[in-house]
């Protein structure tokens, strides 16, 4: 976990999202996590959260039992619950609904 695979800087995550992650880890359940590994590229992984903490200079991460590290500001959903990147993902999906397609209305 020394070298970050993310090219952008870590965005602070609200306490609500951190609390959700901690709750899921404490329950010991396995589930699916959808996240953005690169800009506009959605990936998913399934497993149990085995670790949640800070990597100095890189941000907060979770580690799944399959060995995958995920930066928490990139999580779209975690075990079916919205994550910190949910609003960013939804806004990207709705971007065409905001445009006029070159027409003046």
C-alpha atoms as a PDB file:
ATOM      1  CA  UNK A   1       0.000   0.000   0.000  1.00  0.00           C
ATOM      2  CA  UNK A   2       2.966   2.337  -0.319  1.00  0.00           C
ATOM      3  CA  UNK A   3       2.555   3.576  -3.900  1.00  0.00           C
ATOM      4  CA  UNK A   4      -0.782   5.237  -4.666  1.00  0.00           C
ATOM      5  CA  UNK A   5      -2.532   4.193  -7.865  1.00  0.00           C
ATOM      6  CA  UNK A   6      -4.619   7.389  -7.798  1.00  0.00           C
ATOM      7  CA  UNK A   7      -3.377  10.383  -9.756  1.00  0.00           C
ATOM      8  CA  UNK A   8      -5.577  12.953  -8.006  1.00  0.00           C
ATOM      9  CA  UNK A   9      -5.415  14.181  -4.440  1.00  0.00           C
ATOM     10  CA  UNK A  10      -7.579  12.783  -1.679  1.00  0.00           C
ATOM     11  CA  UNK A  11     -10.869  14.585  -1.042  1.00  0.00           C
ATOM     12  CA  UNK A  12     -11.983  14.649   2.603  1.00  0.00           C
ATOM     13  CA  UNK A  13     -14.979  12.396   3.298  1.00  0.00           C
ATOM     14  CA  UNK A  14     -17.868  13.245   5.616  1.00  0.00           C
ATOM     15  CA  UNK A  15     -18.207  11.476   8.918  1.00  0.00           C
ATOM     16  CA  UNK A  16     -21.433   9.789   7.739  1.00  0.00           C
ATOM     17  CA  UNK A  17     -19.584   7.831   5.060  1.00  0.00           C
ATOM     18  CA  UNK A  18     -16.768   6.895   7.420  1.00  0.00           C
ATOM     19  CA  UNK A  19     -19.318   5.712   9.982  1.00  0.00           C
ATOM     20  CA  UNK A  20     -21.051   3.531   7.359  1.00  0.00           C
ATOM     21  CA  UNK A  21     -17.728   1.899   6.483  1.00  0.00           C
ATOM     22  CA  UNK A  22     -16.906   1.268  10.146  1.00  0.00           C
ATOM     23  CA  UNK A  23     -20.368  -0.247  10.745  1.00  0.00           C
ATOM     24  CA  UNK A  24     -19.994  -2.623   7.797  1.00  0.00           C
ATOM     25  CA  UNK A  25     -16.534  -3.639   8.972  1.00  0.00           C
ATOM     26  CA  UNK A  26     -17.782  -4.241  12.537  1.00  0.00           C
ATOM     27  CA  UNK A  27     -20.645  -6.419  11.245  1.00  0.00           C
ATOM     28  CA  UNK A  28     -18.104  -8.597   9.426  1.00  0.00           C
ATOM     29  CA  UNK A  29     -20.369  -9.015   6.414  1.00  0.00           C
ATOM     30  CA  UNK A  30     -19.189  -9.539   2.881  1.00  0.00           C
ATOM     31  CA  UNK A  31     -20.591  -7.347   0.115  1.00  0.00           C
ATOM     32  CA  UNK A  32     -19.998  -5.522  -3.123  1.00  0.00           C
ATOM     33  CA  UNK A  33     -18.206  -2.189  -3.478  1.00  0.00           C
ATOM     34  CA  UNK A  34     -18.508  -0.016  -6.589  1.00  0.00           C
ATOM     35  CA  UNK A  35     -15.788   2.600  -6.976  1.00  0.00           C
ATOM     36  CA  UNK A  36     -13.994   4.820  -9.491  1.00  0.00           C
ATOM     37  CA  UNK A  37     -10.429   3.651  -9.899  1.00  0.00           C
ATOM     38  CA  UNK A  38      -9.761   6.138 -12.703  1.00  0.00           C
ATOM     39  CA  UNK A  39     -11.809   9.154 -13.794  1.00  0.00           C
ATOM     40  CA  UNK A  40     -15.139   7.957 -15.202  1.00  0.00           C
ATOM     41  CA  UNK A  41     -14.176   4.272 -14.941  1.00  0.00           C
ATOM     42  CA  UNK A  42     -16.383   2.297 -12.573  1.00  0.00           C
ATOM     43  CA  UNK A  43     -15.055  -0.919 -11.082  1.00  0.00           C
ATOM     44  CA  UNK A  44     -16.446  -3.306  -8.526  1.00  0.00           C
ATOM     45  CA  UNK A  45     -15.077  -5.725  -5.974  1.00  0.00           C
ATOM     46  CA  UNK A  46     -16.645  -8.129  -3.542  1.00  0.00           C
ATOM     47  CA  UNK A  47     -15.391  -9.064  -0.123  1.00  0.00           C
ATOM     48  CA  UNK A  48     -15.253  -8.294   3.561  1.00  0.00           C
ATOM     49  CA  UNK A  49     -13.608  -5.129   4.912  1.00  0.00           C
ATOM     50  CA  UNK A  50     -10.581  -6.236   6.908  1.00  0.00           C
ATOM     51  CA  UNK A  51      -8.955  -2.842   7.516  1.00  0.00           C
ATOM     52  CA  UNK A  52     -10.002   0.818   7.508  1.00  0.00           C
ATOM     53  CA  UNK A  53      -7.460   3.530   8.115  1.00  0.00           C
ATOM     54  CA  UNK A  54      -5.206   6.268   6.868  1.00  0.00           C
ATOM     55  CA  UNK A  55      -2.161   5.882   4.699  1.00  0.00           C
ATOM     56  CA  UNK A  56      -0.074   9.001   5.425  1.00  0.00           C
ATOM     57  CA  UNK A  57       0.045  11.346   2.458  1.00  0.00           C
ATOM     58  CA  UNK A  58      -2.529   9.331   0.474  1.00  0.00           C
ATOM     59  CA  UNK A  59      -5.816   9.439   2.391  1.00  0.00           C
ATOM     60  CA  UNK A  60      -8.245   6.989   4.003  1.00  0.00           C
ATOM     61  CA  UNK A  61      -8.487   3.485   2.578  1.00  0.00           C
ATOM     62  CA  UNK A  62     -10.305   0.223   3.111  1.00  0.00           C
ATOM     63  CA  UNK A  63      -8.748  -3.155   2.493  1.00  0.00           C
ATOM     64  CA  UNK A  64     -10.911  -6.081   1.433  1.00  0.00           C
ATOM     65  CA  UNK A  65     -10.203  -9.697   2.303  1.00  0.00           C
ATOM     66  CA  UNK A  66      -9.218 -10.262  -1.346  1.00  0.00           C
ATOM     67  CA  UNK A  67      -6.268  -7.869  -0.811  1.00  0.00           C
ATOM     68  CA  UNK A  68      -7.707  -4.925  -2.763  1.00  0.00           C
ATOM     69  CA  UNK A  69      -7.151  -1.417  -1.357  1.00  0.00           C
ATOM     70  CA  UNK A  70      -9.789   1.210  -2.176  1.00  0.00           C
ATOM     71  CA  UNK A  71      -9.497   4.909  -1.358  1.00  0.00           C
ATOM     72  CA  UNK A  72     -12.760   5.843   0.356  1.00  0.00           C
ATOM     73  CA  UNK A  73     -13.347   9.100  -1.519  1.00  0.00           C
ATOM     74  CA  UNK A  74     -13.708   6.967  -4.682  1.00  0.00           C
ATOM     75  CA  UNK A  75     -16.455   4.665  -3.324  1.00  0.00           C
ATOM     76  CA  UNK A  76     -19.770   5.006  -5.188  1.00  0.00           C
ATOM     77  CA  UNK A  77     -21.645   2.389  -3.151  1.00  0.00           C
ATOM     78  CA  UNK A  78     -20.504   0.087  -0.393  1.00  0.00           C
ATOM     79  CA  UNK A  79     -22.641  -2.954   0.370  1.00  0.00           C
ATOM     80  CA  UNK A  80     -25.632  -1.204  -1.251  1.00  0.00           C
ATOM     81  CA  UNK A  81     -25.224   2.076   0.645  1.00  0.00           C
ATOM     82  CA  UNK A  82     -24.156   5.355  -1.029  1.00  0.00           C
ATOM     83  CA  UNK A  83     -20.485   6.223  -0.679  1.00  0.00           C
ATOM     84  CA  UNK A  84     -18.539   9.471  -0.887  1.00  0.00           C
ATOM     85  CA  UNK A  85     -18.328   9.422  -4.716  1.00  0.00           C
ATOM     86  CA  UNK A  86     -22.031   8.685  -5.256  1.00  0.00           C
ATOM     87  CA  UNK A  87     -22.987  12.306  -6.007  1.00  0.00           C
ATOM     88  CA  UNK A  88     -20.051  12.724  -8.407  1.00  0.00           C
ATOM     89  CA  UNK A  89     -21.013   9.521 -10.235  1.00  0.00           C
ATOM     90  CA  UNK A  90     -24.687  10.515 -10.433  1.00  0.00           C
ATOM     91  CA  UNK A  91     -23.822  14.021 -11.700  1.00  0.00           C
ATOM     92  CA  UNK A  92     -21.635  12.521 -14.442  1.00  0.00           C
ATOM     93  CA  UNK A  93     -24.476  10.215 -15.474  1.00  0.00           C
ATOM     94  CA  UNK A  94     -26.934  13.124 -15.683  1.00  0.00           C
ATOM     95  CA  UNK A  95     -24.650  15.582 -17.505  1.00  0.00           C
ATOM     96  CA  UNK A  96     -26.528  15.222 -20.808  1.00  0.00           C
ATOM     97  CA  UNK A  97     -29.793  16.079 -19.079  1.00  0.00           C
ATOM     98  CA  UNK A  98     -28.332  19.502 -18.273  1.00  0.00           C
ATOM     99  CA  UNK A  99     -27.373  20.506 -21.804  1.00  0.00           C
ATOM    100  CA  UNK A 100     -29.482  21.893 -24.613  1.00  0.00           C
ATOM    101  CA  UNK A 101     -27.648  20.067 -27.409  1.00  0.00           C
ATOM    102  CA  UNK A 102     -26.648  23.291 -29.113  1.00  0.00           C
ATOM    103  CA  UNK A 103     -30.174  24.698 -29.190  1.00  0.00           C
ATOM    104  CA  UNK A 104     -31.285  27.898 -27.518  1.00  0.00           C
ATOM    105  CA  UNK A 105     -34.385  27.385 -25.464  1.00  0.00           C
END
